[in-house]
Amino acid sequence: MYHISKNEAIYVEPTSFSELQMTEHDLEELIKHNTNLISEDESMLIVGQQVRNSDNGICDLVALNQNGDLVLIEIKRDKKDIEARREAFEFQAIRYAAGFATITDIDDLISKIYAPFLEKNQNNHHNPTLTITEQANRNIVSFFEENNITIEDFNQRQQIILVASDFDLQTKSAVAWLNQSGVEINCYKLIPYKIKEELYIDSEKILPLDQYEDYYVDLKGKSTTSKIKSKRQSNRRSLPRIDEMLEWGVVKEGDLLRAKNHDSTVILKGNGNVEFNGKETSIQQWLKEITGWPSVQTYAFTEHVEKGKTLSDIRREFMDQS
């Protein structure tokens, strides 16, 4: 990372979470409230933390993804923490995933994982007229509706996300092989930087790799749309993100967006961010700031002013017509 000061590029050395005296629990809390750090589509609902299985193994975080599958999130601060383990980082996560494969219905998820999680993490947004179980069920129903998930889709397979500031070669090699063998494991590097007492984190997905063909340019000089799928390649289980919606003309730069049930309007930028109070920020951060919520379903709570529909409705209609 480079810090630009008066046209001078000054290289900033990354630090480590251990040097910052941050614990794994600190990282758990950070990711729990900011799932966009490890989720490209931002559609992820945290349903468990420090979940213990029958063999007394403990999973750091458990989530639901936009496919309705359970996601096991395992966190280590730095590469040294990974190398110091007796059991391989990825193998630990695979054992936990095997246990979560036995959860086959929503009631099982709520009673064993989500309701206890909500009870420990109650806040002002809990509806006092609902029991914890009712609140958990309502949250999941809302998440399923937002992502067009059916009951039949629930937990058909399990996803694993490994998080650290860096990974050792053995872990990366094993994960690459497992991905090629059909086991879905993502590796995210959260690289911390400290600049003038301010903490910055660069999130980088290092595995699985994108197809290299996505970055080629054909002989006519037309890009094959780096990292962006064509309309025909997308389906119900891969709803377009805001950058794809802009690419396809579903929404356009300069459109006005409004937060659902809040009197706050922003201008959509060409890169998918928005202009809020004279500053550029992500849609997710804008919603968090005005609602005060630790996590917001971006597309369900963002309305297109001119069309009078949420981004969720707009992209679903677009995919239905494709």
Protein backbone atom coordinates (compact mmCIF):
# COMPACT_ATOMS: atom_id res chain seq x y z
CA MET A 1 0.00 0.00 0.00
CA TYR A 2 1.19 3.50 -0.81
CA HIS A 3 0.30 6.70 1.02
CA ILE A 4 0.18 9.69 -1.33
CA SER A 5 1.39 12.98 0.16
CA LYS A 6 2.06 16.01 -2.06
CA ASN A 7 2.49 13.81 -5.16
CA GLU A 8 4.95 11.57 -3.31
CA ALA A 9 4.13 7.87 -3.04
CA ILE A 10 5.31 6.58 0.33
CA TYR A 11 5.25 2.81 0.81
CA VAL A 12 3.38 1.70 3.93
CA GLU A 13 4.48 -1.61 5.45
CA PRO A 14 1.65 -3.91 6.51
CA THR A 15 1.52 -4.79 10.17
CA SER A 16 0.03 -7.89 11.83
CA PHE A 17 -2.92 -8.42 14.13
CA SER A 18 -0.63 -9.82 16.79
CA GLU A 19 1.50 -6.65 16.65
CA LEU A 20 -1.70 -4.65 17.01
CA GLN A 21 -2.54 -6.81 20.05
CA MET A 22 -5.79 -7.89 18.42
CA THR A 23 -7.09 -11.33 19.37
CA GLU A 24 -9.01 -13.84 17.29
CA HIS A 25 -12.09 -12.78 19.22
CA ASP A 26 -11.50 -9.19 18.04
CA LEU A 27 -11.45 -10.44 14.46
CA GLU A 28 -14.58 -12.50 15.05
CA GLU A 29 -16.42 -9.39 16.21
CA LEU A 30 -15.11 -7.37 13.27
CA ILE A 31 -16.27 -9.94 10.71
CA LYS A 32 -19.55 -10.59 12.53
CA HIS A 33 -20.52 -6.93 12.04
CA ASN A 34 -18.86 -6.50 8.63
CA THR A 35 -19.48 -9.62 6.56
CA ASN A 36 -18.67 -7.65 3.39
CA LEU A 37 -14.99 -8.12 4.35
CA ILE A 38 -15.27 -11.78 3.36
CA SER A 39 -18.27 -11.84 1.05
CA GLU A 40 -18.15 -10.52 -2.49
CA ASP A 41 -21.94 -10.46 -2.81
CA GLU A 42 -22.59 -9.06 0.71
CA SER A 43 -25.50 -11.51 1.09
CA MET A 44 -24.52 -13.34 4.24
CA LEU A 45 -26.39 -13.72 7.53
CA ILE A 46 -24.38 -14.59 10.64
CA VAL A 47 -26.30 -17.22 12.62
CA GLY A 48 -23.72 -18.50 15.11
CA GLN A 49 -20.54 -17.69 16.99
CA GLN A 50 -18.22 -20.03 18.90
CA VAL A 51 -20.47 -22.96 18.03
CA ARG A 52 -19.48 -26.17 19.82
CA ASN A 53 -20.05 -29.57 18.22
CA SER A 54 -20.49 -32.99 19.84
CA ASP A 55 -16.72 -33.55 19.89
CA ASN A 56 -16.14 -30.21 21.65
CA GLY A 57 -14.74 -28.61 18.52
CA ILE A 58 -15.56 -24.92 18.26
CA CYS A 59 -16.36 -23.10 15.01
CA ASP A 60 -15.59 -19.37 15.09
CA LEU A 61 -18.56 -18.10 13.05
CA VAL A 62 -21.45 -19.73 11.17
CA ALA A 63 -23.46 -17.98 8.48
CA LEU A 64 -26.05 -18.53 5.77
CA ASN A 65 -25.01 -17.53 2.24
CA GLN A 66 -27.14 -16.41 -0.71
CA ASN A 67 -27.58 -20.03 -1.81
CA GLY A 68 -29.13 -21.07 1.50
CA ASP A 69 -26.05 -23.05 2.50
CA LEU A 70 -24.27 -22.98 5.85
CA VAL A 71 -20.89 -21.23 5.83
CA LEU A 72 -18.21 -22.11 8.37
CA ILE A 73 -15.83 -19.22 9.00
CA GLU A 74 -12.52 -20.10 10.66
CA ILE A 75 -10.21 -17.29 11.71
CA LYS A 76 -6.52 -17.09 12.54
CA ARG A 77 -4.71 -13.83 13.13
CA ASP A 78 -1.46 -14.44 11.27
CA LYS A 79 0.52 -17.08 9.41
CA LYS A 80 2.45 -17.93 12.58
CA ASP A 81 -0.79 -18.90 14.30
CA ILE A 82 -1.60 -21.27 11.41
CA GLU A 83 1.86 -22.86 11.43
CA ALA A 84 1.78 -23.32 15.21
CA ARG A 85 -1.33 -25.52 15.04
CA ARG A 86 -1.02 -29.27 15.48
CA GLU A 87 -3.99 -29.85 13.18
CA ALA A 88 -4.02 -28.32 9.70
CA PHE A 89 -6.13 -25.16 9.45
CA GLU A 90 -8.18 -26.44 6.50
CA PHE A 91 -8.67 -29.93 7.95
CA GLN A 92 -10.16 -28.51 11.14
CA ALA A 93 -12.71 -26.59 9.06
CA ILE A 94 -13.54 -29.69 6.98
CA ARG A 95 -14.30 -31.70 10.14
CA TYR A 96 -16.66 -28.97 11.33
CA ALA A 97 -18.33 -28.80 7.90
CA ALA A 98 -19.01 -32.53 8.03
CA GLY A 99 -20.86 -32.00 11.31
CA PHE A 100 -22.94 -29.11 9.96
CA ALA A 101 -24.01 -31.25 7.00
CA THR A 102 -26.34 -33.05 9.43
CA ILE A 103 -28.46 -29.90 9.83
CA THR A 104 -31.20 -30.54 7.30
CA ASP A 105 -34.05 -28.22 8.31
CA ILE A 106 -34.51 -24.64 9.47
CA ASP A 107 -35.96 -25.57 12.86
CA ASP A 108 -32.83 -27.58 13.61
CA LEU A 109 -30.63 -24.60 12.71
CA ILE A 110 -32.69 -22.24 14.86
CA SER A 111 -32.85 -24.45 17.96
CA LYS A 112 -29.21 -25.57 17.92
CA ILE A 113 -27.39 -22.49 16.65
CA TYR A 114 -29.29 -19.34 15.70
CA ALA A 115 -31.63 -18.86 18.69
CA PRO A 116 -28.78 -19.24 21.25
CA PHE A 117 -26.72 -16.80 19.17
CA LEU A 118 -29.50 -14.19 19.12
CA GLU A 119 -30.10 -14.61 22.83
CA LYS A 120 -26.45 -13.77 23.55
CA ASN A 121 -26.46 -10.87 21.09
CA GLN A 122 -29.76 -9.14 21.81
CA ASN A 123 -29.82 -5.45 20.95
CA ASN A 124 -32.28 -2.62 20.51
CA HIS A 125 -33.39 -4.06 17.16
CA HIS A 126 -34.97 -7.13 18.73
CA ASN A 127 -38.76 -6.94 18.56
CA PRO A 128 -39.96 -7.26 22.18
CA THR A 129 -43.26 -8.78 21.03
CA LEU A 130 -41.45 -11.80 19.59
CA THR A 131 -39.70 -14.67 21.32
CA ILE A 132 -36.08 -15.35 20.38
CA THR A 133 -37.20 -18.34 18.29
CA GLU A 134 -39.84 -16.26 16.49
CA GLN A 135 -37.29 -13.51 15.82
CA ALA A 136 -34.81 -16.06 14.46
CA ASN A 137 -37.45 -17.53 12.15
CA ARG A 138 -38.50 -14.09 10.92
CA ASN A 139 -34.87 -13.13 10.17
CA ILE A 140 -34.27 -16.29 8.17
CA VAL A 141 -37.55 -15.98 6.24
CA SER A 142 -36.59 -12.39 5.34
CA PHE A 143 -33.11 -13.47 4.25
CA PHE A 144 -34.54 -16.27 2.11
CA GLU A 145 -37.00 -13.90 0.44
CA GLU A 146 -34.27 -11.33 -0.24
CA ASN A 147 -32.08 -13.93 -1.95
CA ASN A 148 -34.89 -15.94 -3.59
CA ILE A 149 -33.99 -19.08 -1.62
CA THR A 150 -36.47 -21.92 -1.20
CA ILE A 151 -36.71 -24.40 1.66
CA GLU A 152 -35.49 -27.11 -0.71
CA ASP A 153 -32.27 -25.12 -1.24
CA PHE A 154 -31.36 -25.10 2.46
CA ASN A 155 -27.90 -26.46 3.28
CA GLN A 156 -27.53 -28.61 0.20
CA ARG A 157 -23.78 -28.19 0.58
CA GLN A 158 -21.46 -26.41 2.97
CA GLN A 159 -19.04 -23.59 2.27
CA ILE A 160 -15.85 -22.92 4.21
CA ILE A 161 -14.12 -19.54 4.54
CA LEU A 162 -10.64 -19.33 6.05
CA VAL A 163 -9.48 -15.91 7.22
CA ALA A 164 -5.99 -14.73 8.21
CA SER A 165 -3.61 -11.87 7.47
CA ASP A 166 -1.47 -14.37 5.54
CA PHE A 167 -1.44 -18.08 4.72
CA ASP A 168 1.35 -20.64 4.72
CA LEU A 169 2.21 -22.52 1.53
CA GLN A 170 0.86 -25.87 2.77
CA THR A 171 -2.58 -24.42 3.52
CA LYS A 172 -2.81 -22.70 0.13
CA SER A 173 -1.70 -25.85 -1.67
CA ALA A 174 -4.24 -28.01 0.17
CA VAL A 175 -7.09 -25.55 -0.39
CA ALA A 176 -6.28 -25.26 -4.11
CA TRP A 177 -6.41 -29.06 -4.44
CA LEU A 178 -9.64 -29.30 -2.43
CA ASN A 179 -11.27 -26.64 -4.63
CA GLN A 180 -10.34 -28.58 -7.74
CA SER A 181 -11.86 -31.67 -6.10
CA GLY A 182 -15.20 -29.95 -5.52
CA VAL A 183 -14.82 -28.81 -1.89
CA GLU A 184 -15.81 -25.13 -1.67
CA ILE A 185 -13.20 -23.33 0.43
CA ASN A 186 -12.42 -19.63 0.13
CA CYS A 187 -9.33 -17.98 1.59
CA TYR A 188 -9.42 -14.29 2.47
CA LYS A 189 -6.39 -12.27 3.51
CA LEU A 190 -7.25 -9.39 5.83
CA ILE A 191 -4.07 -7.31 5.75
CA PRO A 192 -3.87 -4.59 8.44
CA TYR A 193 -2.11 -1.25 7.96
CA LYS A 194 -1.64 1.47 10.53
CA ILE A 195 -1.34 5.04 9.26
CA LYS A 196 -1.22 7.92 11.75
CA GLU A 197 -2.93 5.85 14.45
CA GLU A 198 -5.74 4.91 12.05
CA LEU A 199 -6.29 1.22 11.24
CA TYR A 200 -6.89 0.21 7.61
CA ILE A 201 -7.67 -3.33 6.44
CA ASP A 202 -7.21 -4.56 2.89
CA SER A 203 -9.42 -7.57 2.13
CA GLU A 204 -8.10 -9.85 -0.61
CA LYS A 205 -9.62 -13.12 -1.79
CA ILE A 206 -6.71 -15.36 -2.77
CA LEU A 207 -8.51 -18.68 -3.32
CA PRO A 208 -10.23 -19.99 -5.33
CA LEU A 209 -8.67 -18.24 -8.32
CA ASP A 210 -10.82 -16.60 -10.98
CA GLN A 211 -10.57 -18.13 -14.41
CA TYR A 212 -7.62 -16.54 -16.12
CA GLU A 213 -9.63 -16.23 -19.36
CA ASP A 214 -11.71 -13.54 -17.63
CA TYR A 215 -8.74 -11.18 -17.92
CA TYR A 216 -7.80 -11.83 -21.56
CA VAL A 217 -8.39 -9.23 -24.27
CA ASP A 218 -9.39 -10.53 -27.70
CA LEU A 219 -7.72 -9.57 -30.96
CA LYS A 220 -10.29 -6.84 -31.63
CA GLY A 221 -9.29 -5.12 -28.41
CA LYS A 222 -12.54 -5.84 -26.60
CA SER A 223 -12.18 -6.93 -22.97
CA THR A 224 -13.96 -10.10 -21.87
CA THR A 225 -15.27 -8.13 -18.87
CA SER A 226 -12.75 -8.75 -16.13
CA LYS A 227 -14.34 -10.58 -13.22
CA ILE A 228 -17.88 -9.81 -14.50
CA LYS A 229 -20.09 -12.59 -15.82
CA SER A 230 -22.24 -12.17 -18.88
CA LYS A 231 -25.98 -11.98 -18.38
CA ARG A 232 -26.42 -15.52 -19.71
CA GLN A 233 -23.88 -16.94 -17.24
CA SER A 234 -25.79 -15.67 -14.22
CA ASN A 235 -28.74 -17.49 -12.68
CA ARG A 236 -31.02 -17.43 -9.67
CA ARG A 237 -28.24 -18.66 -7.39
CA SER A 238 -25.93 -15.89 -8.59
CA LEU A 239 -27.91 -12.67 -8.52
CA PRO A 240 -26.08 -9.68 -10.04
CA ARG A 241 -24.26 -7.28 -7.76
CA ILE A 242 -24.37 -3.51 -8.16
CA ASP A 243 -21.33 -3.44 -10.47
CA GLU A 244 -23.01 -5.95 -12.80
CA MET A 245 -26.29 -4.02 -12.65
CA LEU A 246 -24.38 -0.93 -13.80
CA GLU A 247 -22.54 -2.93 -16.49
CA TRP A 248 -25.81 -4.21 -17.93
CA GLY A 249 -27.64 -0.88 -17.71
CA VAL A 250 -30.18 -2.06 -15.13
CA VAL A 251 -29.21 1.03 -13.13
CA LYS A 252 -26.95 3.88 -14.20
CA GLU A 253 -24.49 6.36 -12.79
CA GLY A 254 -26.26 9.39 -11.34
CA ASP A 255 -29.40 7.48 -10.28
CA LEU A 256 -30.87 8.50 -6.93
CA LEU A 257 -31.11 5.80 -4.27
CA ARG A 258 -33.08 6.00 -1.03
CA ALA A 259 -32.86 3.95 2.15
CA LYS A 260 -36.05 2.04 2.78
CA ASN A 261 -38.14 3.61 5.58
CA HIS A 262 -35.48 6.32 6.09
CA ASP A 263 -35.27 9.88 4.79
CA SER A 264 -31.82 9.58 3.24
CA THR A 265 -31.01 9.86 -0.49
CA VAL A 266 -27.66 9.31 -2.21
CA ILE A 267 -26.28 9.44 -5.77
CA LEU A 268 -25.05 6.22 -7.38
CA LYS A 269 -21.49 6.38 -8.71
CA GLY A 270 -20.19 4.55 -11.77
CA ASN A 271 -18.08 2.19 -9.62
CA GLY A 272 -21.02 1.01 -7.50
CA ASN A 273 -20.34 3.29 -4.55
CA VAL A 274 -22.57 6.23 -3.59
CA GLU A 275 -22.09 9.89 -2.76
CA PHE A 276 -23.30 10.54 0.79
CA ASN A 277 -22.85 13.89 2.56
CA GLY A 278 -20.30 14.93 -0.04
CA LYS A 279 -18.17 11.81 0.41
CA GLU A 280 -17.88 8.56 -1.52
CA THR A 281 -18.74 5.38 0.36
CA SER A 282 -20.18 1.91 -0.25
CA ILE A 283 -23.93 1.33 -0.20
CA GLN A 284 -23.46 -1.02 2.76
CA GLN A 285 -21.58 1.60 4.83
CA TRP A 286 -24.16 4.29 4.01
CA LEU A 287 -27.00 2.04 5.19
CA LYS A 288 -25.14 1.09 8.36
CA GLU A 289 -24.50 4.74 9.20
CA ILE A 290 -28.09 5.92 8.81
CA THR A 291 -29.77 2.88 10.39
CA GLY A 292 -27.24 2.26 13.16
CA TRP A 293 -27.50 -1.45 12.41
CA PRO A 294 -24.35 -3.60 12.48
CA SER A 295 -25.43 -5.41 9.31
CA VAL A 296 -27.93 -4.47 6.60
CA GLN A 297 -29.24 -6.45 3.63
CA THR A 298 -28.00 -4.04 0.99
CA TYR A 299 -30.33 -4.77 -1.91
CA ALA A 300 -33.50 -5.23 0.15
CA PHE A 301 -33.09 -1.90 1.98
CA THR A 302 -32.04 0.26 -0.99
CA GLU A 303 -34.77 1.76 -3.17
CA HIS A 304 -34.35 3.22 -6.66
CA VAL A 305 -36.09 6.60 -6.43
CA GLU A 306 -37.20 6.84 -10.08
CA LYS A 307 -38.38 3.23 -10.38
CA GLY A 308 -39.90 3.08 -6.90
CA LYS A 309 -38.53 -0.41 -6.33
CA THR A 310 -35.78 -1.93 -4.21
CA LEU A 311 -32.55 -3.02 -5.86
CA SER A 312 -33.54 -6.54 -4.83
CA ASP A 313 -36.80 -6.34 -6.82
CA ILE A 314 -35.09 -4.69 -9.79
CA ARG A 315 -32.37 -7.31 -10.16
CA ARG A 316 -34.80 -10.20 -9.63
CA GLU A 317 -37.13 -8.86 -12.34
CA PHE A 318 -34.18 -8.41 -14.65
CA MET A 319 -33.01 -11.99 -14.16
CA ASP A 320 -36.56 -13.34 -14.63
CA GLN A 321 -36.74 -11.58 -18.02
CA SER A 322 -33.31 -12.81 -19.15
